[in-house]
Amino acid sequence: MKHSVPQVALGALSLAIFPASWVLVSYMMQHKEWCFADFCVETQSARQPLVRNTLGVYYSFIATTAILVAAAKKFPLFKHLFGTRVQRCYTYTIGELAWFISALLLSLIVVPATVWNSYWSMLRSAVPAWSWIRLVYQTMILATGDSLAFLLGLVMLPASKNSFFATLLDLPYTSTLRVHIWLGYAIFWAIAFHLVFCIIGYSLDATPLYEKFFTVAADMPWGKSKYFFLMGMISFFLFAIITATSVAYVRRRHYNFFYVTHFLFVAAIAFAYFHASMSIFYMIPGICLYTIDGFIRLHSYRSKEHITNVVFEESGYVSITIATTKCGSTLPGQFMRVNVPSVSTFEFHPLSIVQATPDSVSFLFRPNGKETEWTCLLASKLASTPNLAVHLQGPFGKPIGIAYDTLQQVLVFHVAGTGLSSCIAAIELVLERNALLENIVPVKIFLFWSSRNMGMENLSWIQGHLKGLKNITVELFQTSDDPGDIAPTSITTTRVIHHRPNLRQLLKKHVSALVSDCGGVLNAGVFVCGPETFVRDALESVASYASLQKGVKLAVEVESYDL
């Protein structure tokens, strides 16, 4: 993939951030006047070599990650290994899980092992009267603090939407988002363990814990390690709020609440730094990358686009087209973040791109949830004011790979709800390629779309883009418990079926029948997009089908929008 001049410039800047961050931290440790925390590692010469060693572990891990991902792009065997799903019905891959486990092992074992003996000797020399059990607790307090700082340095790296590294290394957006979520939960538990050791260790002192952790003398000067207990507790409570509002149940049902509370991370990081200065040493690269990402996103507010066309579909979906020149190079399967100021000043909502041209982009969404939910508010606003102003960010995300794989003889798109948006452009791309083929068997396409809404067969994207085309079969599954009157379909290659789809049976019916026409060996690509339970059921069906059907080589691609 070729990169534009701005992307290359962004990449050079992003790459320079890592060695620059190392130099900055080294400079900060040599100049204690740069420390504004209550507890400054910069004033403790004995701890500075330990910080440098653990920073070395951190940067080595980042470099190793980049090398392995680059190798996966170069060598198909690596790419296949890292992209293999851990279990057949789960969406996360070996690469994602291996990276996360490696991060945990480094933070929980390697980092403490690097500093343990030095901390033990330092504390035993400083307070000879302490018993060995007290030394264990105090050493664990310091070691778990270092482990926590290591994890904090990792969590922000995958958080940037405008990440040149994700683009350059071809990292799927869902993968970076998933490890960000995992790291967030790991950080909360690391903070909790750090706090537990603090409580146990300092309970051996005569000073009551509530007084030590929550009070400070009114005339106590800053920088004497007397405020750092209180600063740490404030940071802990802020991280607890962020974690509680990030759980899937809250995030999916109260997205605006999750979105707003997530910005508490700024305060949480600030208080973590006031608690101990080294908390921020590992985070500098992530903070810089996120700051660049923030400026790029803010720049989107300077340019306004307008909605030029709105279609309220019979099925309850809403199609919108926006005039813009930002999407000329968009690839099938990518998405954009859309802000409608008249609906929400700050919220950007991710929407998959249905179609993109040099001068426009189209989206499909379904109003659902409460009346105060973003999609419901937008639909209500569009009913009275169709020509709304919008801000766009992106495109983001990885394109649908099977659409570009010319080895595939059959493509199956198994999607639910607005997951249809992801595959329309991919289907059109393959159909265009079919039209250019001469004396070559065209790729056969099967679209299985599930939705609870009635009237799905009359969707404009189905009627206007797939009607009457060759080499494509469309089957629609209306999954509502109350199907009502069965509406006739106007597309001869489309069936409306009023029950939930069984992908295994669909593959057996449509794909297996083509094996004999392909000389006994058939390459088939399967794209699955929908809620997590829908995706898991589909993957289970694919695995079951693959184990029984001989002569079919399946390439499966997954997109779950429940993250």
Protein backbone atom coordinates (compact mmCIF):
# COMPACT_ATOMS: atom_id res chain seq x y z
CA MET A 1 0.00 0.00 0.00
CA LYS A 2 1.37 3.37 -1.01
CA HIS A 3 1.42 6.17 1.54
CA SER A 4 0.88 9.86 0.94
CA VAL A 5 3.43 12.52 1.83
CA PRO A 6 1.48 13.59 4.98
CA GLN A 7 1.32 9.95 6.10
CA VAL A 8 5.06 9.49 5.62
CA ALA A 9 5.70 12.71 7.55
CA LEU A 10 3.41 11.52 10.34
CA GLY A 11 5.23 8.18 10.34
CA ALA A 12 8.64 9.84 10.63
CA LEU A 13 7.40 12.00 13.50
CA SER A 14 5.81 9.01 15.25
CA LEU A 15 8.99 6.97 14.91
CA ALA A 16 11.13 9.83 16.25
CA ILE A 17 8.95 10.04 19.36
CA PHE A 18 10.37 6.82 20.83
CA PRO A 19 14.10 7.72 20.95
CA ALA A 20 13.15 11.30 21.84
CA SER A 21 11.11 10.00 24.79
CA TRP A 22 14.08 7.97 26.02
CA VAL A 23 16.31 11.05 25.84
CA LEU A 24 13.68 13.18 27.60
CA VAL A 25 13.31 10.71 30.49
CA SER A 26 17.10 10.53 30.89
CA TYR A 27 17.22 14.32 31.00
CA MET A 28 14.38 14.49 33.54
CA MET A 29 16.13 12.04 35.87
CA GLN A 30 19.25 14.22 35.82
CA HIS A 31 17.32 17.42 36.54
CA LYS A 32 15.16 17.09 39.62
CA GLU A 33 13.88 20.65 39.15
CA TRP A 34 11.78 19.21 36.33
CA CYS A 35 9.90 17.01 38.79
CA PHE A 36 6.56 18.35 40.05
CA ALA A 37 5.44 15.20 41.85
CA ASP A 38 5.29 14.75 45.60
CA PHE A 39 7.57 11.71 45.32
CA CYS A 40 10.39 12.20 42.82
CA VAL A 41 12.49 9.28 41.62
CA GLU A 42 14.81 11.95 40.24
CA THR A 43 16.02 12.66 43.79
CA GLN A 44 16.95 9.01 44.46
CA SER A 45 20.16 8.13 42.65
CA ALA A 46 19.86 4.48 43.74
CA ARG A 47 16.59 4.04 41.81
CA GLN A 48 17.65 5.71 38.58
CA PRO A 49 19.59 2.71 37.17
CA LEU A 50 16.59 0.48 37.94
CA VAL A 51 14.25 2.80 36.06
CA ARG A 52 16.61 2.79 33.08
CA ASN A 53 16.71 -1.02 33.11
CA THR A 54 12.92 -1.38 33.14
CA LEU A 55 12.63 1.31 30.46
CA GLY A 56 15.00 -0.84 28.42
CA VAL A 57 12.60 -3.77 28.83
CA TYR A 58 9.71 -1.54 27.73
CA TYR A 59 11.37 -0.22 24.57
CA SER A 60 12.75 -3.66 23.70
CA PHE A 61 9.23 -5.08 23.88
CA ILE A 62 7.89 -2.36 21.58
CA ALA A 63 10.74 -2.92 19.10
CA THR A 64 10.26 -6.70 19.16
CA THR A 65 6.54 -6.26 18.53
CA ALA A 66 7.22 -4.06 15.49
CA ILE A 67 9.76 -6.55 14.11
CA LEU A 68 7.42 -9.54 14.49
CA VAL A 69 4.48 -7.73 12.91
CA ALA A 70 6.69 -6.59 10.02
CA ALA A 71 7.86 -10.19 9.62
CA ALA A 72 4.24 -11.33 9.51
CA LYS A 73 3.67 -9.00 6.56
CA LYS A 74 6.69 -10.44 4.78
CA PHE A 75 6.22 -14.14 5.54
CA PRO A 76 2.77 -15.72 5.05
CA LEU A 77 3.52 -18.44 7.62
CA PHE A 78 3.91 -15.85 10.39
CA LYS A 79 0.81 -14.00 9.23
CA HIS A 80 -1.23 -17.20 9.29
CA LEU A 81 0.08 -18.12 12.75
CA PHE A 82 -0.60 -14.72 14.33
CA GLY A 83 -3.99 -14.44 12.63
CA THR A 84 -5.23 -17.88 13.68
CA ARG A 85 -8.08 -17.73 16.17
CA VAL A 86 -7.38 -19.27 19.56
CA GLN A 87 -10.61 -21.26 19.51
CA ARG A 88 -12.88 -21.84 16.59
CA CYS A 89 -15.84 -19.91 18.06
CA TYR A 90 -13.90 -16.91 19.41
CA THR A 91 -12.80 -13.85 17.48
CA TYR A 92 -9.50 -13.10 19.21
CA THR A 93 -6.35 -14.44 17.61
CA ILE A 94 -3.11 -16.09 18.71
CA GLY A 95 -1.23 -12.88 17.91
CA GLU A 96 -3.47 -10.74 20.12
CA LEU A 97 -3.44 -13.17 23.02
CA ALA A 98 0.31 -13.85 22.76
CA TRP A 99 1.08 -10.13 22.79
CA PHE A 100 -1.14 -9.49 25.81
CA ILE A 101 0.23 -12.46 27.76
CA SER A 102 3.78 -11.34 26.93
CA ALA A 103 2.96 -7.87 28.24
CA LEU A 104 1.60 -9.36 31.47
CA LEU A 105 4.61 -11.64 31.94
CA LEU A 106 7.01 -8.76 31.42
CA SER A 107 5.16 -6.48 33.82
CA LEU A 108 4.42 -9.07 36.51
CA ILE A 109 7.59 -11.18 36.38
CA VAL A 110 10.44 -9.65 34.37
CA VAL A 111 10.12 -6.10 35.71
CA PRO A 112 9.88 -7.18 39.40
CA ALA A 113 12.76 -9.64 38.91
CA THR A 114 14.86 -6.82 37.45
CA VAL A 115 14.41 -4.57 40.50
CA TRP A 116 13.79 -6.95 43.42
CA ASN A 117 17.31 -7.47 44.78
CA SER A 118 18.20 -3.79 44.48
CA TYR A 119 15.02 -2.66 46.23
CA TRP A 120 15.50 -5.25 48.98
CA SER A 121 19.09 -4.13 49.63
CA MET A 122 18.14 -0.46 49.48
CA LEU A 123 15.31 -0.84 52.01
CA ARG A 124 17.32 -3.09 54.35
CA SER A 125 20.12 -0.49 54.43
CA ALA A 126 17.70 2.42 54.91
CA VAL A 127 15.66 0.82 57.74
CA PRO A 128 17.71 -1.93 59.47
CA ALA A 129 15.03 -2.38 62.14
CA TRP A 130 12.44 -3.73 59.70
CA SER A 131 11.65 -7.43 59.93
CA TRP A 132 11.96 -9.62 56.86
CA ILE A 133 8.17 -9.72 56.39
CA ARG A 134 8.06 -5.92 56.42
CA LEU A 135 10.87 -5.87 53.87
CA VAL A 136 8.86 -8.25 51.66
CA TYR A 137 5.79 -5.99 51.78
CA GLN A 138 7.75 -2.80 51.14
CA THR A 139 9.70 -4.38 48.28
CA MET A 140 6.43 -5.60 46.77
CA ILE A 141 5.03 -2.07 47.00
CA LEU A 142 7.92 -0.70 44.97
CA ALA A 143 7.99 -3.62 42.51
CA THR A 144 4.23 -3.55 41.83
CA GLY A 145 4.50 0.20 41.31
CA ASP A 146 7.10 -0.39 38.60
CA SER A 147 4.93 -3.11 37.04
CA LEU A 148 1.98 -0.74 36.98
CA ALA A 149 4.03 2.01 35.33
CA PHE A 150 5.07 -0.49 32.64
CA LEU A 151 1.43 -1.34 31.86
CA LEU A 152 0.46 2.33 31.82
CA GLY A 153 3.10 2.84 29.16
CA LEU A 154 1.44 0.23 26.93
CA VAL A 155 -2.25 1.05 27.28
CA MET A 156 -2.19 4.31 25.35
CA LEU A 157 -0.21 3.03 22.36
CA PRO A 158 -3.19 1.26 20.71
CA ALA A 159 -5.65 4.01 21.70
CA SER A 160 -4.82 6.41 18.85
CA LYS A 161 -7.28 6.32 15.95
CA ASN A 162 -4.85 8.09 13.59
CA SER A 163 -2.01 5.67 14.15
CA PHE A 164 0.58 5.53 11.39
CA PHE A 165 2.06 2.39 12.94
CA ALA A 166 -1.27 0.58 12.76
CA THR A 167 -1.52 1.55 9.09
CA LEU A 168 2.10 0.77 8.25
CA LEU A 169 2.09 -2.58 10.07
CA ASP A 170 -1.41 -3.45 8.82
CA LEU A 171 -2.77 -3.93 12.35
CA PRO A 172 -6.55 -4.50 12.39
CA TYR A 173 -8.46 -1.84 14.29
CA THR A 174 -10.39 -4.50 16.21
CA SER A 175 -7.11 -6.04 17.38
CA THR A 176 -5.65 -2.79 18.70
CA LEU A 177 -8.95 -1.91 20.37
CA ARG A 178 -9.22 -5.35 21.95
CA VAL A 179 -5.72 -5.28 23.52
CA HIS A 180 -6.41 -1.73 24.72
CA ILE A 181 -9.47 -3.04 26.58
CA TRP A 182 -7.54 -5.98 28.01
CA LEU A 183 -4.71 -3.71 29.17
CA GLY A 184 -7.23 -1.37 30.79
CA TYR A 185 -8.64 -4.17 32.93
CA ALA A 186 -5.11 -5.41 33.74
CA ILE A 187 -4.13 -1.93 34.91
CA PHE A 188 -7.07 -1.72 37.29
CA TRP A 189 -6.15 -5.05 38.89
CA ALA A 190 -2.48 -4.04 39.03
CA ILE A 191 -3.50 -0.86 40.88
CA ALA A 192 -5.66 -2.93 43.22
CA PHE A 193 -2.77 -5.30 44.06
CA HIS A 194 -0.44 -2.33 44.53
CA LEU A 195 -2.95 -0.82 46.96
CA VAL A 196 -3.39 -4.11 48.84
CA PHE A 197 0.36 -4.38 49.46
CA CYS A 198 0.39 -0.75 50.59
CA ILE A 199 -2.44 -1.42 53.03
CA ILE A 200 -0.77 -4.54 54.43
CA GLY A 201 2.69 -3.00 54.58
CA TYR A 202 1.71 0.28 56.22
CA SER A 203 -0.75 -1.38 58.61
CA LEU A 204 2.37 -2.36 60.55
CA ASP A 205 2.99 1.31 61.36
CA ALA A 206 1.53 3.03 64.38
CA THR A 207 -0.21 5.66 62.25
CA PRO A 208 -3.81 4.63 61.38
CA LEU A 209 -4.31 3.83 57.73
CA TYR A 210 -7.13 6.34 57.16
CA GLU A 211 -4.91 9.09 58.52
CA LYS A 212 -1.95 8.07 56.36
CA PHE A 213 -3.96 7.55 53.16
CA PHE A 214 -6.53 10.35 53.35
CA THR A 215 -5.13 13.20 55.45
CA VAL A 216 -2.23 15.63 55.17
CA ALA A 217 -1.12 18.25 57.66
CA ALA A 218 -2.28 21.71 56.58
CA ASP A 219 1.23 23.20 56.72
CA MET A 220 2.99 20.25 55.06
CA PRO A 221 5.08 21.43 52.07
CA TRP A 222 4.78 19.70 48.70
CA GLY A 223 7.55 17.35 47.61
CA LYS A 224 8.23 15.69 50.97
CA SER A 225 6.46 12.40 50.15
CA LYS A 226 3.54 13.21 52.42
CA TYR A 227 0.88 13.83 49.79
CA PHE A 228 1.66 10.83 47.62
CA PHE A 229 -0.68 8.48 49.53
CA LEU A 230 -3.61 10.83 48.93
CA MET A 231 -2.60 11.38 45.28
CA GLY A 232 -2.45 7.62 44.76
CA MET A 233 -5.88 7.07 46.28
CA ILE A 234 -7.45 9.75 44.06
CA SER A 235 -5.85 8.16 41.00
CA PHE A 236 -7.14 4.73 42.08
CA PHE A 237 -10.74 5.96 42.42
CA LEU A 238 -10.57 7.68 39.03
CA PHE A 239 -9.28 4.51 37.38
CA ALA A 240 -12.03 2.55 39.16
CA ILE A 241 -14.68 4.82 37.62
CA ILE A 242 -13.11 4.48 34.16
CA THR A 243 -12.99 0.69 34.49
CA ALA A 244 -16.55 0.36 35.80
CA THR A 245 -17.99 2.44 32.95
CA SER A 246 -15.93 0.52 30.38
CA VAL A 247 -17.43 -2.91 31.02
CA ALA A 248 -19.36 -4.20 28.01
CA TYR A 249 -22.79 -3.90 29.64
CA VAL A 250 -22.38 -0.20 30.43
CA ARG A 251 -20.42 0.67 27.29
CA ARG A 252 -23.01 -0.76 24.91
CA ARG A 253 -26.13 0.52 26.69
CA HIS A 254 -24.85 3.92 27.87
CA TYR A 255 -22.21 4.83 25.34
CA ASN A 256 -22.35 8.58 26.00
CA PHE A 257 -21.76 7.99 29.72
CA PHE A 258 -18.82 5.71 28.91
CA TYR A 259 -17.45 8.23 26.40
CA VAL A 260 -17.50 11.16 28.84
CA THR A 261 -16.12 9.28 31.85
CA HIS A 262 -13.29 7.87 29.75
CA PHE A 263 -11.76 11.34 29.61
CA LEU A 264 -11.14 11.04 33.35
CA PHE A 265 -7.97 9.24 32.29
CA VAL A 266 -6.33 12.67 31.96
CA ALA A 267 -6.91 13.38 35.65
CA ALA A 268 -6.07 9.79 36.61
CA ILE A 269 -2.70 10.02 34.87
CA ALA A 270 -2.02 13.43 36.41
CA PHE A 271 -2.65 12.19 39.95
CA ALA A 272 -0.60 9.06 39.25
CA TYR A 273 2.27 11.36 38.29
CA PHE A 274 1.80 13.49 41.43
CA HIS A 275 1.84 10.22 43.40
CA ALA A 276 5.19 9.13 41.90
CA SER A 277 7.02 10.78 39.03
CA MET A 278 8.13 7.55 37.36
CA SER A 279 4.47 6.75 36.56
CA ILE A 280 4.72 8.95 33.50
CA PHE A 281 8.17 7.87 32.25
CA TYR A 282 6.79 4.91 30.28
CA MET A 283 3.74 6.81 29.09
CA ILE A 284 5.52 9.61 27.24
CA PRO A 285 5.49 7.86 23.80
CA GLY A 286 1.80 7.00 24.15
CA ILE A 287 0.92 10.49 25.36
CA CYS A 288 2.77 12.07 22.43
CA LEU A 289 1.13 9.76 19.88
CA TYR A 290 -2.30 10.37 21.40
CA THR A 291 -1.67 14.13 21.40
CA ILE A 292 -0.84 14.01 17.67
CA ASP A 293 -3.98 11.95 17.14
CA GLY A 294 -5.96 14.53 19.12
CA PHE A 295 -4.72 17.43 16.98
CA ILE A 296 -5.59 15.51 13.82
CA ARG A 297 -9.07 14.89 15.16
CA LEU A 298 -9.49 18.51 16.24
CA HIS A 299 -8.48 19.56 12.73
CA SER A 300 -11.60 17.79 11.46
CA TYR A 301 -13.68 20.46 13.21
CA ARG A 302 -12.28 23.04 10.81
CA SER A 303 -13.92 21.45 7.78
CA LYS A 304 -17.65 20.95 7.54
CA GLU A 305 -19.39 18.61 5.17
CA HIS A 306 -23.13 18.38 4.60
CA ILE A 307 -25.59 15.55 4.23
CA THR A 308 -26.94 15.70 0.68
CA ASN A 309 -29.31 12.75 0.63
CA VAL A 310 -31.37 10.90 3.23
CA VAL A 311 -33.41 7.73 2.67
CA PHE A 312 -35.69 6.48 5.44
CA GLU A 313 -35.86 2.81 4.55
CA GLU A 314 -39.04 0.79 4.91
CA SER A 315 -37.15 -1.55 7.23
CA GLY A 316 -36.37 1.23 9.72
CA TYR A 317 -32.79 1.75 8.60
CA VAL A 318 -31.58 5.18 7.49
CA SER A 319 -29.21 5.76 4.57
CA ILE A 320 -27.32 9.03 4.36
CA THR A 321 -24.94 10.42 1.76
CA ILE A 322 -22.43 13.16 2.62
CA ALA A 323 -20.64 15.37 0.13
CA THR A 324 -16.90 15.14 0.83
CA THR A 325 -13.59 14.71 -0.97
CA LYS A 326 -11.96 12.77 1.90
CA CYS A 327 -12.93 9.30 0.76
CA GLY A 328 -11.48 8.88 -2.71
CA SER A 329 -9.03 6.22 -1.53
CA THR A 330 -11.37 4.41 0.87
CA LEU A 331 -11.26 0.61 0.78
CA PRO A 332 -14.20 -1.80 1.30
CA GLY A 333 -14.72 -2.59 4.97
CA GLN A 334 -13.33 0.65 6.40
CA PHE A 335 -15.29 3.03 8.63
CA MET A 336 -15.37 6.71 9.54
CA ARG A 337 -16.19 8.57 12.74
CA VAL A 338 -19.07 10.97 12.20
CA ASN A 339 -19.90 13.99 14.32
CA VAL A 340 -23.19 15.87 13.87
CA PRO A 341 -22.90 19.08 15.94
CA SER A 342 -26.66 19.60 16.05
CA VAL A 343 -27.00 16.18 17.69
CA SER A 344 -23.89 16.10 19.90
CA THR A 345 -21.14 18.69 20.03
CA PHE A 346 -18.29 16.31 20.83
CA GLU A 347 -19.40 12.72 20.18
CA PHE A 348 -18.04 11.02 17.07
CA HIS A 349 -19.94 7.88 16.16
CA PRO A 350 -18.25 5.09 14.13
CA LEU A 351 -20.15 4.16 10.96
CA SER A 352 -19.11 1.60 8.36
CA ILE A 353 -18.81 2.97 4.85
CA VAL A 354 -21.37 1.54 2.43
CA GLN A 355 -20.07 3.35 -0.63
CA ALA A 356 -17.38 5.95 -1.28
CA THR A 357 -16.71 8.03 -4.38
CA PRO A 358 -14.24 10.87 -4.99
CA ASP A 359 -16.92 13.39 -3.99
CA SER A 360 -19.22 11.57 -1.54
CA VAL A 361 -19.54 8.88 1.10
CA SER A 362 -22.62 6.91 2.19
CA PHE A 363 -23.54 5.25 5.47
CA LEU A 364 -26.33 3.02 6.75
CA PHE A 365 -27.47 3.01 10.36
CA ARG A 366 -30.41 1.84 12.40
CA PRO A 367 -31.92 3.97 15.17
CA ASN A 368 -32.08 1.81 18.26
CA GLY A 369 -32.05 2.06 22.02
CA LYS A 370 -33.38 4.99 23.97
CA GLU A 371 -34.64 8.21 22.39
CA THR A 372 -31.55 9.95 23.77
CA GLU A 373 -29.22 7.54 21.96
CA TRP A 374 -27.12 9.11 19.19
CA THR A 375 -28.65 7.21 16.26
CA CYS A 376 -32.22 7.96 17.44
CA LEU A 377 -31.41 11.64 17.87
CA LEU A 378 -29.83 11.77 14.41
CA ALA A 379 -32.80 10.07 12.74
CA SER A 380 -35.20 12.47 14.45
CA LYS A 381 -33.11 15.45 13.39
CA LEU A 382 -32.88 14.24 9.79
CA ALA A 383 -36.66 13.95 9.58
CA SER A 384 -36.98 17.72 9.96
CA THR A 385 -33.59 18.96 8.71
CA PRO A 386 -32.06 16.63 6.09
CA ASN A 387 -29.17 18.91 5.10
CA LEU A 388 -27.26 18.70 8.37
CA ALA A 389 -23.65 19.78 8.78
CA VAL A 390 -21.23 17.03 9.84
CA HIS A 391 -17.57 16.51 10.68
CA LEU A 392 -15.76 13.40 9.42
CA GLN A 393 -12.71 11.60 10.72
CA GLY A 394 -11.03 8.77 8.86
CA PRO A 395 -11.30 6.48 7.08
CA PHE A 396 -10.06 3.98 9.64
CA GLY A 397 -9.84 0.21 9.85
CA LYS A 398 -8.59 -2.66 7.79
CA PRO A 399 -10.24 -3.47 4.44
CA ILE A 400 -11.97 -6.80 3.81
CA GLY A 401 -9.06 -8.94 2.69
CA ILE A 402 -10.97 -11.72 0.94
CA ALA A 403 -12.35 -9.18 -1.55
CA TYR A 404 -8.80 -8.68 -2.85
CA ASP A 405 -7.79 -12.34 -2.81
CA THR A 406 -7.97 -13.38 -6.44
CA LEU A 407 -7.54 -17.06 -5.49
CA GLN A 408 -11.03 -17.18 -4.02
CA GLN A 409 -13.61 -18.78 -6.31
CA VAL A 410 -16.55 -18.23 -3.97
CA LEU A 411 -17.18 -15.43 -1.49
CA VAL A 412 -19.74 -15.72 1.30
CA PHE A 413 -20.83 -12.65 3.25
CA HIS A 414 -22.69 -13.62 6.43
CA VAL A 415 -23.74 -10.42 8.21
CA ALA A 416 -26.29 -9.15 10.70
CA GLY A 417 -27.94 -5.75 11.08
CA THR A 418 -25.75 -2.85 10.02
CA GLY A 419 -22.98 -5.35 9.35
CA LEU A 420 -24.40 -5.22 5.83
CA SER A 421 -22.66 -1.86 5.42
CA SER A 422 -19.23 -3.46 5.60
CA CYS A 423 -19.75 -5.79 2.65
CA ILE A 424 -21.71 -3.78 0.05
CA ALA A 425 -18.57 -2.07 -1.28
CA ALA A 426 -16.65 -5.36 -1.21
CA ILE A 427 -19.38 -7.09 -3.23
CA GLU A 428 -19.39 -4.27 -5.77
CA LEU A 429 -15.60 -4.49 -6.09
CA VAL A 430 -15.75 -8.22 -6.84
CA LEU A 431 -18.63 -7.79 -9.28
CA GLU A 432 -16.67 -5.10 -11.14
CA ARG A 433 -13.70 -7.45 -11.31
CA ASN A 434 -16.00 -10.19 -12.62
CA ALA A 435 -17.15 -7.89 -15.43
CA LEU A 436 -13.55 -7.39 -16.56
CA LEU A 437 -12.76 -11.09 -16.73
CA GLU A 438 -12.68 -12.81 -20.09
CA ASN A 439 -12.62 -16.58 -20.52
CA ILE A 440 -12.24 -16.94 -16.75
CA VAL A 441 -14.87 -18.36 -14.40
CA PRO A 442 -16.24 -15.40 -12.36
CA VAL A 443 -16.30 -15.38 -8.59
CA LYS A 444 -19.66 -16.47 -7.21
CA ILE A 445 -21.01 -14.39 -4.34
CA PHE A 446 -23.49 -15.33 -1.63
CA LEU A 447 -24.91 -12.69 0.72
CA PHE A 448 -26.75 -13.89 3.82
CA TRP A 449 -28.15 -10.94 5.75
CA SER A 450 -30.00 -11.24 9.07
CA SER A 451 -32.14 -8.49 10.58
CA ARG A 452 -35.04 -8.19 12.98
CA ASN A 453 -36.65 -5.48 10.86
CA MET A 454 -39.46 -6.10 8.40
CA GLY A 455 -39.14 -4.85 4.83
CA MET A 456 -35.43 -5.59 4.62
CA GLU A 457 -35.83 -6.90 1.06
CA ASN A 458 -36.77 -3.39 -0.08
CA LEU A 459 -33.64 -1.75 1.26
CA SER A 460 -32.33 0.71 -1.33
CA TRP A 461 -28.83 -0.80 -1.24
CA ILE A 462 -30.30 -4.21 -2.07
CA GLN A 463 -32.72 -3.00 -4.72
CA GLY A 464 -30.45 -0.43 -6.33
CA HIS A 465 -27.11 -2.23 -6.28
CA LEU A 466 -27.71 -5.98 -6.29
CA LYS A 467 -30.89 -6.34 -8.31
CA GLY A 468 -30.65 -8.43 -11.45
CA LEU A 469 -26.91 -9.04 -11.22
CA LYS A 470 -25.29 -12.29 -12.24
CA ASN A 471 -23.21 -14.57 -10.02
CA ILE A 472 -24.74 -13.29 -6.78
CA THR A 473 -27.34 -14.92 -4.56
CA VAL A 474 -28.95 -12.96 -1.75
CA GLU A 475 -30.86 -14.58 1.09
CA LEU A 476 -32.44 -12.42 3.74
CA PHE A 477 -33.28 -13.73 7.19
CA GLN A 478 -35.97 -11.82 9.05
CA THR A 479 -35.39 -12.89 12.66
CA SER A 480 -38.15 -11.04 14.51
CA ASP A 481 -40.37 -13.18 16.72
CA ASP A 482 -43.38 -11.55 15.04
CA PRO A 483 -42.78 -11.65 11.30
CA GLY A 484 -46.16 -10.19 10.37
CA ASP A 485 -47.18 -10.38 6.74
CA ILE A 486 -44.58 -11.90 4.44
CA ALA A 487 -43.65 -9.20 1.96
CA PRO A 488 -42.95 -10.33 -1.60
CA THR A 489 -39.47 -9.72 -2.94
CA SER A 490 -38.76 -7.97 -6.22
CA ILE A 491 -35.31 -9.52 -6.70
CA THR A 492 -35.41 -12.90 -8.33
CA THR A 493 -32.13 -13.99 -6.74
CA THR A 494 -33.26 -12.98 -3.25
CA ARG A 495 -35.14 -15.06 -0.70
CA VAL A 496 -36.73 -13.71 2.46
CA ILE A 497 -36.70 -16.37 5.14
CA HIS A 498 -38.40 -15.90 8.49
CA HIS A 499 -36.08 -17.67 10.89
CA ARG A 500 -32.51 -17.48 12.08
CA PRO A 501 -29.80 -18.56 9.62
CA ASN A 502 -27.78 -21.73 10.00
CA LEU A 503 -24.50 -20.95 8.26
CA ARG A 504 -23.38 -24.57 8.22
CA GLN A 505 -26.47 -25.59 6.28
CA LEU A 506 -26.12 -22.60 3.97
CA LEU A 507 -22.54 -23.48 3.16
CA LYS A 508 -23.48 -27.09 2.58
CA LYS A 509 -26.32 -26.08 0.28
CA HIS A 510 -24.59 -23.42 -1.79
CA VAL A 511 -20.83 -23.97 -1.58
CA SER A 512 -20.61 -27.75 -1.54
CA ALA A 513 -22.65 -27.89 -4.74
CA LEU A 514 -19.89 -26.03 -6.57
CA VAL A 515 -16.99 -28.32 -5.62
CA SER A 516 -17.47 -30.67 -8.55
CA ASP A 517 -17.50 -27.72 -10.97
CA CYS A 518 -14.05 -26.66 -9.71
CA GLY A 519 -12.24 -29.95 -10.21
CA GLY A 520 -12.81 -31.21 -6.68
CA VAL A 521 -11.00 -28.34 -4.91
CA LEU A 522 -12.74 -25.05 -4.13
CA ASN A 523 -11.29 -21.92 -2.50
CA ALA A 524 -13.98 -20.08 -0.58
CA GLY A 525 -13.71 -16.88 1.45
CA VAL A 526 -16.17 -16.23 4.30
CA PHE A 527 -16.71 -12.80 5.83
CA VAL A 528 -18.68 -12.61 9.08
CA CYS A 529 -19.83 -9.37 10.68
CA GLY A 530 -22.32 -8.84 13.49
CA PRO A 531 -22.77 -8.96 17.27
CA GLU A 532 -20.44 -11.18 19.27
CA THR A 533 -22.98 -14.01 19.73
CA PHE A 534 -23.83 -13.95 16.02
CA VAL A 535 -20.15 -14.12 15.13
CA ARG A 536 -19.47 -16.98 17.53
CA ASP A 537 -22.35 -19.03 16.17
CA ALA A 538 -21.11 -18.39 12.63
CA LEU A 539 -17.54 -19.41 13.46
CA GLU A 540 -18.81 -22.59 15.11
CA SER A 541 -20.78 -23.38 11.96
CA VAL A 542 -17.79 -22.69 9.70
CA ALA A 543 -15.54 -24.93 11.80
CA SER A 544 -18.13 -27.72 11.80
CA TYR A 545 -18.60 -27.44 8.05
CA ALA A 546 -14.84 -27.40 7.37
CA SER A 547 -14.31 -30.55 9.43
CA LEU A 548 -16.87 -32.51 7.41
CA GLN A 549 -16.65 -31.07 3.90
CA LYS A 550 -13.75 -32.29 1.81
CA GLY A 551 -12.41 -30.32 -1.09
CA VAL A 552 -13.24 -26.85 0.26
CA LYS A 553 -10.49 -24.56 1.49
CA LEU A 554 -11.99 -21.85 3.67
CA ALA A 555 -10.47 -18.45 4.41
CA VAL A 556 -12.45 -16.79 7.20
CA GLU A 557 -12.46 -13.09 8.05
CA VAL A 558 -14.29 -11.72 11.08
CA GLU A 559 -15.54 -8.31 12.12
CA SER A 560 -17.41 -7.99 15.41
CA TYR A 561 -18.96 -4.61 16.20
CA ASP A 562 -19.58 -5.39 19.86
CA LEU A 563 -16.14 -4.16 20.97
